[in-house]
């Protein structure tokens, strides 16, 4: 499947799939060991996603290469970035390696109140097919209201 490169770093790879408005975000096997590293990794990623635009697109995040980390402190560092990562996409679909990873992802999505427009899979092709079957609905799904500018 043809892909358009969007962003690359030691932590992430982002491409836009040409066959559908799907942003494929691949998490690389590089541990984020501090709050500062999390911030330094996510800020340029989020900026690139904002520049690309999110409305009318779905996010397919492949986390199978990511090193597992369910440390409570790490989850606190990640919380604002998790929310920012998936905001405004019609759907956010996550592919994780293990059943434990699926349980952790479900718990985090529930705590972030993102269960309705998110799904978790263990198989990449199944996740991609889920989105391809729904690609005609992406422009009709609005996951968050537009931001209001301060008065």
N, C-alpha and C. Protein backbone atom coordinates (compact mmCIF):
# COMPACT_ATOMS: atom_id res chain seq x y z
N UNK A 1 0.85 -1.17 0.00
CA UNK A 1 0.00 0.00 0.00
C UNK A 1 0.90 1.24 0.00
N UNK A 2 0.68 2.16 -0.92
CA UNK A 2 1.48 3.38 -0.97
C UNK A 2 1.25 4.25 0.27
N UNK A 3 2.34 4.85 0.74
CA UNK A 3 2.29 5.68 1.94
C UNK A 3 3.02 7.00 1.67
N UNK A 4 2.52 8.06 2.28
CA UNK A 4 3.16 9.37 2.18
C UNK A 4 3.83 9.65 3.53
N UNK A 5 5.17 9.75 3.57
CA UNK A 5 5.84 10.02 4.85
C UNK A 5 5.46 11.39 5.40
N UNK A 6 5.21 11.45 6.70
CA UNK A 6 4.80 12.68 7.36
C UNK A 6 5.80 13.10 8.44
N UNK A 7 6.24 12.15 9.26
CA UNK A 7 7.08 12.47 10.42
C UNK A 7 7.88 11.25 10.82
N UNK A 8 9.10 11.48 11.29
CA UNK A 8 9.92 10.39 11.80
C UNK A 8 10.80 10.92 12.93
N UNK A 9 10.94 10.11 13.97
CA UNK A 9 11.80 10.43 15.11
C UNK A 9 12.28 9.11 15.69
N UNK A 10 13.14 9.15 16.70
CA UNK A 10 13.56 7.89 17.33
C UNK A 10 12.40 7.13 17.99
N UNK A 11 11.28 7.82 18.23
CA UNK A 11 10.16 7.21 18.94
C UNK A 11 8.98 6.85 18.04
N UNK A 12 8.78 7.59 16.95
CA UNK A 12 7.58 7.45 16.14
C UNK A 12 7.89 7.54 14.64
N UNK A 13 7.02 6.92 13.88
CA UNK A 13 7.00 7.05 12.42
C UNK A 13 5.55 7.32 12.03
N UNK A 14 5.32 8.35 11.22
CA UNK A 14 3.97 8.68 10.78
C UNK A 14 3.93 8.71 9.27
N UNK A 15 2.94 8.02 8.71
CA UNK A 15 2.69 8.06 7.27
C UNK A 15 1.19 8.21 7.05
N UNK A 16 0.83 8.78 5.91
CA UNK A 16 -0.56 8.87 5.50
C UNK A 16 -0.78 7.79 4.45
N UNK A 17 -1.76 6.93 4.66
CA UNK A 17 -2.05 5.90 3.69
C UNK A 17 -2.77 6.53 2.50
N UNK A 18 -2.35 6.19 1.30
CA UNK A 18 -2.93 6.81 0.11
C UNK A 18 -4.32 6.27 -0.22
N UNK A 19 -4.61 5.04 0.18
CA UNK A 19 -5.89 4.43 -0.20
C UNK A 19 -7.08 4.93 0.62
N UNK A 20 -6.82 5.58 1.73
CA UNK A 20 -7.89 6.08 2.59
C UNK A 20 -7.30 7.16 3.49
N UNK A 21 -8.15 8.02 4.04
CA UNK A 21 -7.63 9.06 4.96
C UNK A 21 -7.30 8.48 6.33
N UNK A 22 -6.26 7.63 6.33
CA UNK A 22 -5.82 6.96 7.56
C UNK A 22 -4.38 7.38 7.85
N UNK A 23 -4.17 7.89 9.05
CA UNK A 23 -2.84 8.26 9.52
C UNK A 23 -2.30 7.06 10.29
N UNK A 24 -1.22 6.47 9.78
CA UNK A 24 -0.58 5.34 10.44
C UNK A 24 0.57 5.86 11.30
N UNK A 25 0.43 5.69 12.59
CA UNK A 25 1.44 6.10 13.57
C UNK A 25 2.04 4.84 14.16
N UNK A 26 3.33 4.64 13.93
CA UNK A 26 4.02 3.47 14.46
C UNK A 26 4.92 3.89 15.61
N UNK A 27 4.74 3.25 16.72
CA UNK A 27 5.57 3.49 17.90
C UNK A 27 6.80 2.60 17.78
N UNK A 28 7.98 3.18 17.90
CA UNK A 28 9.22 2.44 17.81
C UNK A 28 9.64 1.90 19.18
N UNK A 29 10.60 0.98 19.18
CA UNK A 29 11.05 0.32 20.41
C UNK A 29 12.11 1.16 21.11
N UNK A 30 11.71 2.33 21.54
CA UNK A 30 12.61 3.23 22.26
C UNK A 30 11.87 3.69 23.51
N UNK A 31 12.41 3.35 24.66
CA UNK A 31 11.72 3.66 25.92
C UNK A 31 11.77 5.15 26.23
N UNK A 32 10.65 5.66 26.70
CA UNK A 32 10.57 7.03 27.20
C UNK A 32 10.71 6.94 28.71
N UNK A 33 11.87 7.37 29.23
CA UNK A 33 12.19 7.11 30.62
C UNK A 33 11.94 8.23 31.60
N UNK A 34 11.54 9.40 31.11
CA UNK A 34 11.31 10.51 32.04
C UNK A 34 10.20 11.40 31.48
N UNK A 35 9.69 12.25 32.33
CA UNK A 35 8.65 13.18 31.90
C UNK A 35 9.20 14.11 30.81
N UNK A 36 10.43 14.51 30.95
CA UNK A 36 11.06 15.36 29.95
C UNK A 36 11.17 14.66 28.59
N UNK A 37 11.54 13.37 28.60
CA UNK A 37 11.62 12.61 27.35
C UNK A 37 10.25 12.47 26.70
N UNK A 38 9.22 12.25 27.51
CA UNK A 38 7.86 12.15 26.98
C UNK A 38 7.49 13.45 26.28
N UNK A 39 7.75 14.57 26.94
CA UNK A 39 7.43 15.88 26.36
C UNK A 39 8.21 16.12 25.07
N UNK A 40 9.50 15.82 25.08
CA UNK A 40 10.34 16.03 23.90
C UNK A 40 9.94 15.13 22.74
N UNK A 41 9.44 13.93 23.04
CA UNK A 41 9.01 13.01 21.99
C UNK A 41 7.67 13.41 21.40
N UNK A 42 6.74 13.84 22.26
CA UNK A 42 5.37 14.08 21.80
C UNK A 42 5.14 15.45 21.18
N UNK A 43 5.82 16.47 21.63
CA UNK A 43 5.55 17.81 21.09
C UNK A 43 5.71 17.88 19.58
N UNK A 44 6.84 17.45 19.00
CA UNK A 44 6.95 17.51 17.54
C UNK A 44 5.99 16.56 16.82
N UNK A 45 5.70 15.43 17.44
CA UNK A 45 4.73 14.50 16.85
C UNK A 45 3.36 15.16 16.74
N UNK A 46 2.90 15.74 17.84
CA UNK A 46 1.57 16.37 17.85
C UNK A 46 1.52 17.55 16.89
N UNK A 47 2.60 18.32 16.79
CA UNK A 47 2.64 19.42 15.84
C UNK A 47 2.51 18.91 14.41
N UNK A 48 3.18 17.82 14.08
CA UNK A 48 3.09 17.28 12.72
C UNK A 48 1.68 16.77 12.43
N UNK A 49 1.02 16.17 13.41
CA UNK A 49 -0.35 15.70 13.22
C UNK A 49 -1.31 16.88 13.03
N UNK A 50 -1.07 17.96 13.77
CA UNK A 50 -1.90 19.15 13.63
C UNK A 50 -1.73 19.79 12.25
N UNK A 51 -0.48 19.85 11.78
CA UNK A 51 -0.22 20.42 10.45
C UNK A 51 -0.89 19.57 9.37
N UNK A 52 -0.81 18.27 9.51
CA UNK A 52 -1.46 17.37 8.55
C UNK A 52 -2.97 17.55 8.56
N UNK A 53 -3.53 17.79 9.73
CA UNK A 53 -4.97 17.90 9.89
C UNK A 53 -5.56 16.58 10.32
N UNK A 54 -6.57 16.64 11.16
CA UNK A 54 -7.16 15.43 11.73
C UNK A 54 -8.61 15.20 11.30
N UNK A 55 -9.34 16.28 11.03
CA UNK A 55 -10.75 16.14 10.67
C UNK A 55 -10.88 15.30 9.39
N UNK A 56 -11.79 14.38 9.41
CA UNK A 56 -12.02 13.54 8.24
C UNK A 56 -11.01 12.42 8.08
N UNK A 57 -10.21 12.18 9.11
CA UNK A 57 -9.20 11.13 9.06
C UNK A 57 -9.36 10.21 10.27
N UNK A 58 -8.77 9.03 10.15
CA UNK A 58 -8.70 8.10 11.27
C UNK A 58 -7.24 7.89 11.64
N UNK A 59 -7.01 7.56 12.89
CA UNK A 59 -5.67 7.26 13.39
C UNK A 59 -5.56 5.76 13.59
N UNK A 60 -4.52 5.18 13.01
CA UNK A 60 -4.20 3.77 13.22
C UNK A 60 -2.84 3.74 13.89
N UNK A 61 -2.82 3.43 15.19
CA UNK A 61 -1.56 3.46 15.95
C UNK A 61 -1.09 2.04 16.19
N UNK A 62 0.08 1.74 15.65
CA UNK A 62 0.69 0.42 15.79
C UNK A 62 1.73 0.49 16.90
N UNK A 63 1.40 -0.07 18.06
CA UNK A 63 2.28 -0.03 19.23
C UNK A 63 2.96 -1.36 19.49
N UNK A 64 2.97 -2.25 18.53
CA UNK A 64 3.52 -3.59 18.78
C UNK A 64 5.01 -3.57 19.09
N UNK A 65 5.75 -2.59 18.60
CA UNK A 65 7.19 -2.53 18.87
C UNK A 65 7.51 -1.77 20.17
N UNK A 66 6.53 -1.06 20.70
CA UNK A 66 6.77 -0.27 21.92
C UNK A 66 7.10 -1.19 23.09
N UNK A 67 8.02 -0.73 23.92
CA UNK A 67 8.36 -1.50 25.11
C UNK A 67 7.26 -1.32 26.15
N UNK A 68 6.79 -2.41 26.75
CA UNK A 68 5.69 -2.30 27.71
C UNK A 68 6.08 -1.44 28.91
N UNK A 69 5.09 -0.67 29.40
CA UNK A 69 5.35 0.16 30.56
C UNK A 69 4.01 0.53 31.21
N UNK A 70 3.71 -0.09 32.32
CA UNK A 70 2.48 0.25 33.04
C UNK A 70 2.79 0.89 34.40
N UNK A 71 3.94 1.53 34.48
CA UNK A 71 4.32 2.27 35.68
C UNK A 71 3.33 3.41 35.89
N UNK A 72 2.73 3.53 37.07
CA UNK A 72 1.74 4.59 37.31
C UNK A 72 2.28 6.00 37.05
N UNK A 73 3.55 6.23 37.38
CA UNK A 73 4.13 7.55 37.14
C UNK A 73 4.21 7.84 35.63
N UNK A 74 4.62 6.85 34.87
CA UNK A 74 4.68 6.98 33.41
C UNK A 74 3.29 7.28 32.85
N UNK A 75 2.28 6.59 33.33
CA UNK A 75 0.92 6.82 32.85
C UNK A 75 0.45 8.24 33.16
N UNK A 76 0.87 8.79 34.27
CA UNK A 76 0.54 10.18 34.61
C UNK A 76 1.22 11.13 33.63
N UNK A 77 2.49 10.88 33.31
CA UNK A 77 3.21 11.72 32.34
C UNK A 77 2.53 11.68 30.98
N UNK A 78 2.05 10.48 30.62
CA UNK A 78 1.48 10.27 29.28
C UNK A 78 0.05 10.78 29.12
N UNK A 79 -0.69 10.90 30.20
CA UNK A 79 -2.12 11.21 30.13
C UNK A 79 -2.46 12.39 29.22
N UNK A 80 -1.84 13.56 29.37
CA UNK A 80 -2.24 14.68 28.50
C UNK A 80 -1.87 14.44 27.04
N UNK A 81 -0.82 13.67 26.80
CA UNK A 81 -0.40 13.40 25.42
C UNK A 81 -1.30 12.36 24.77
N UNK A 82 -1.77 11.38 25.56
CA UNK A 82 -2.74 10.40 25.02
C UNK A 82 -3.98 11.12 24.53
N UNK A 83 -4.50 12.02 25.35
CA UNK A 83 -5.71 12.76 24.97
C UNK A 83 -5.46 13.62 23.74
N UNK A 84 -4.33 14.30 23.70
CA UNK A 84 -4.01 15.16 22.55
C UNK A 84 -3.76 14.36 21.29
N UNK A 85 -3.23 13.16 21.46
CA UNK A 85 -2.90 12.33 20.31
C UNK A 85 -4.14 11.95 19.51
N UNK A 86 -5.21 11.57 20.18
CA UNK A 86 -6.36 11.03 19.45
C UNK A 86 -7.49 12.04 19.25
N UNK A 87 -7.34 13.26 19.73
CA UNK A 87 -8.42 14.23 19.60
C UNK A 87 -8.71 14.53 18.13
N UNK A 88 -9.96 14.70 17.82
CA UNK A 88 -10.47 15.16 16.53
C UNK A 88 -10.39 14.14 15.40
N UNK A 89 -9.89 12.94 15.66
CA UNK A 89 -9.96 11.91 14.62
C UNK A 89 -11.34 11.27 14.64
N UNK A 90 -11.81 10.86 13.47
CA UNK A 90 -13.10 10.18 13.39
C UNK A 90 -13.06 8.88 14.19
N UNK A 91 -11.97 8.15 14.06
CA UNK A 91 -11.74 6.93 14.82
C UNK A 91 -10.27 6.88 15.22
N UNK A 92 -9.99 6.24 16.34
CA UNK A 92 -8.62 5.95 16.74
C UNK A 92 -8.54 4.46 17.04
N UNK A 93 -7.70 3.77 16.28
CA UNK A 93 -7.58 2.32 16.41
C UNK A 93 -6.15 2.00 16.82
N UNK A 94 -6.02 1.13 17.81
CA UNK A 94 -4.72 0.79 18.37
C UNK A 94 -4.43 -0.69 18.15
N UNK A 95 -3.19 -0.98 17.74
CA UNK A 95 -2.75 -2.36 17.58
C UNK A 95 -1.65 -2.58 18.62
N UNK A 96 -1.88 -3.57 19.48
CA UNK A 96 -0.91 -3.88 20.53
C UNK A 96 -0.51 -5.35 20.42
N UNK A 97 0.63 -5.68 20.98
CA UNK A 97 1.24 -7.00 20.81
C UNK A 97 0.60 -8.09 21.66
N UNK A 98 0.25 -7.77 22.89
CA UNK A 98 -0.15 -8.81 23.84
C UNK A 98 -1.56 -8.58 24.37
N UNK A 99 -2.12 -9.63 24.95
CA UNK A 99 -3.44 -9.49 25.57
C UNK A 99 -3.36 -8.58 26.79
N UNK A 100 -2.23 -8.60 27.48
CA UNK A 100 -2.03 -7.68 28.61
C UNK A 100 -2.04 -6.23 28.10
N UNK A 101 -1.39 -5.99 26.97
CA UNK A 101 -1.40 -4.66 26.36
C UNK A 101 -2.79 -4.23 25.96
N UNK A 102 -3.59 -5.17 25.49
CA UNK A 102 -4.97 -4.85 25.14
C UNK A 102 -5.77 -4.46 26.37
N UNK A 103 -5.58 -5.18 27.47
CA UNK A 103 -6.28 -4.84 28.71
C UNK A 103 -5.86 -3.46 29.22
N UNK A 104 -4.56 -3.18 29.18
CA UNK A 104 -4.06 -1.87 29.62
C UNK A 104 -4.62 -0.77 28.73
N UNK A 105 -4.64 -0.99 27.42
CA UNK A 105 -5.16 0.02 26.50
C UNK A 105 -6.64 0.27 26.74
N UNK A 106 -7.40 -0.77 26.96
CA UNK A 106 -8.84 -0.60 27.27
C UNK A 106 -9.03 0.22 28.53
N UNK A 107 -8.23 -0.08 29.55
CA UNK A 107 -8.33 0.66 30.81
C UNK A 107 -8.02 2.14 30.60
N UNK A 108 -6.97 2.43 29.83
CA UNK A 108 -6.59 3.82 29.59
C UNK A 108 -7.64 4.55 28.75
N UNK A 109 -8.17 3.88 27.73
CA UNK A 109 -9.22 4.52 26.92
C UNK A 109 -10.46 4.81 27.76
N UNK A 110 -10.80 3.89 28.64
CA UNK A 110 -11.95 4.11 29.51
C UNK A 110 -11.69 5.28 30.45
N UNK A 111 -10.49 5.36 31.01
CA UNK A 111 -10.19 6.46 31.92
C UNK A 111 -10.14 7.80 31.19
N UNK A 112 -9.78 7.77 29.90
CA UNK A 112 -9.75 8.99 29.08
C UNK A 112 -11.10 9.29 28.44
N UNK A 113 -12.10 8.44 28.68
CA UNK A 113 -13.45 8.59 28.11
C UNK A 113 -13.41 8.61 26.58
N UNK A 114 -12.63 7.70 25.99
CA UNK A 114 -12.48 7.62 24.53
C UNK A 114 -12.93 6.28 23.97
N UNK A 115 -13.75 5.55 24.71
CA UNK A 115 -14.15 4.21 24.28
C UNK A 115 -15.02 4.26 23.03
N UNK A 116 -15.88 5.24 22.89
CA UNK A 116 -16.85 5.28 21.80
C UNK A 116 -16.25 5.36 20.41
N UNK A 117 -15.16 6.08 20.24
CA UNK A 117 -14.57 6.24 18.90
C UNK A 117 -13.22 5.54 18.79
N UNK A 118 -12.95 4.59 19.68
CA UNK A 118 -11.67 3.89 19.67
C UNK A 118 -11.89 2.38 19.70
N UNK A 119 -10.94 1.67 19.12
CA UNK A 119 -10.94 0.21 19.15
C UNK A 119 -9.51 -0.27 19.37
N UNK A 120 -9.40 -1.49 19.90
CA UNK A 120 -8.09 -2.09 20.15
C UNK A 120 -8.05 -3.45 19.47
N UNK A 121 -6.95 -3.71 18.78
CA UNK A 121 -6.77 -4.96 18.07
C UNK A 121 -5.40 -5.56 18.39
N UNK A 122 -5.29 -6.86 18.19
CA UNK A 122 -4.01 -7.53 18.29
C UNK A 122 -3.42 -7.81 16.92
N UNK A 123 -4.22 -7.65 15.87
CA UNK A 123 -3.80 -7.94 14.50
C UNK A 123 -3.86 -6.67 13.65
N UNK A 124 -2.73 -6.32 13.04
CA UNK A 124 -2.65 -5.08 12.26
C UNK A 124 -3.61 -5.09 11.07
N UNK A 125 -3.63 -6.17 10.31
CA UNK A 125 -4.48 -6.23 9.11
C UNK A 125 -5.96 -6.13 9.48
N UNK A 126 -6.34 -6.74 10.56
CA UNK A 126 -7.73 -6.66 11.03
C UNK A 126 -8.09 -5.22 11.42
N UNK A 127 -7.16 -4.54 12.08
CA UNK A 127 -7.39 -3.15 12.48
C UNK A 127 -7.51 -2.25 11.25
N UNK A 128 -6.61 -2.44 10.28
CA UNK A 128 -6.65 -1.64 9.06
C UNK A 128 -7.95 -1.89 8.30
N UNK A 129 -8.36 -3.15 8.22
CA UNK A 129 -9.61 -3.49 7.53
C UNK A 129 -10.81 -2.85 8.21
N UNK A 130 -10.81 -2.83 9.54
CA UNK A 130 -11.88 -2.17 10.30
C UNK A 130 -12.03 -0.72 9.83
N UNK A 131 -10.90 -0.01 9.71
CA UNK A 131 -10.96 1.39 9.28
C UNK A 131 -11.32 1.53 7.81
N UNK A 132 -10.77 0.69 6.97
CA UNK A 132 -11.09 0.78 5.53
C UNK A 132 -12.58 0.59 5.28
N UNK A 133 -13.22 -0.27 6.04
CA UNK A 133 -14.65 -0.50 5.89
C UNK A 133 -15.48 0.70 6.32
N UNK A 134 -14.89 1.62 7.07
CA UNK A 134 -15.60 2.79 7.59
C UNK A 134 -15.12 4.10 6.99
N UNK A 135 -14.22 4.05 6.03
CA UNK A 135 -13.58 5.27 5.52
C UNK A 135 -14.57 6.28 4.96
N UNK A 136 -15.70 5.83 4.45
CA UNK A 136 -16.68 6.77 3.90
C UNK A 136 -17.42 7.54 4.99
N UNK A 137 -17.29 7.11 6.23
CA UNK A 137 -17.97 7.80 7.34
C UNK A 137 -17.07 8.80 8.05
N UNK A 138 -15.77 8.82 7.74
CA UNK A 138 -14.83 9.65 8.49
C UNK A 138 -15.23 11.12 8.51
N UNK A 139 -15.69 11.65 7.41
CA UNK A 139 -16.03 13.08 7.36
C UNK A 139 -17.31 13.40 8.11
N UNK A 140 -18.13 12.39 8.36
CA UNK A 140 -19.38 12.63 9.08
C UNK A 140 -19.24 12.52 10.58
N UNK A 141 -18.18 11.86 11.04
CA UNK A 141 -17.97 11.67 12.47
C UNK A 141 -17.19 12.85 13.03
N UNK A 142 -17.75 13.47 14.03
CA UNK A 142 -17.05 14.57 14.71
C UNK A 142 -16.85 14.12 16.14
N UNK A 143 -15.59 13.95 16.53
CA UNK A 143 -15.32 13.40 17.84
C UNK A 143 -15.24 14.45 18.94
N UNK A 144 -14.95 15.70 18.59
CA UNK A 144 -14.93 16.76 19.60
C UNK A 144 -15.46 18.04 18.97
N UNK A 145 -16.05 18.89 19.77
CA UNK A 145 -16.48 20.18 19.20
C UNK A 145 -15.28 21.05 18.91
N UNK A 146 -15.43 22.01 18.01
CA UNK A 146 -14.31 22.92 17.73
C UNK A 146 -13.94 23.70 18.98
N UNK A 147 -12.67 24.06 19.09
CA UNK A 147 -12.22 24.86 20.22
C UNK A 147 -12.75 26.28 20.10
N UNK A 148 -13.15 26.83 21.23
CA UNK A 148 -13.57 28.23 21.25
C UNK A 148 -12.37 29.09 21.57
N UNK A 149 -12.27 30.18 20.88
CA UNK A 149 -11.21 31.13 21.18
C UNK A 149 -11.60 31.95 22.41
N UNK A 150 -10.61 32.29 23.24
CA UNK A 150 -10.93 33.10 24.42
C UNK A 150 -11.49 34.45 24.01
N UNK A 151 -12.41 34.95 24.81
CA UNK A 151 -13.01 36.27 24.53
C UNK A 151 -12.05 37.39 24.81
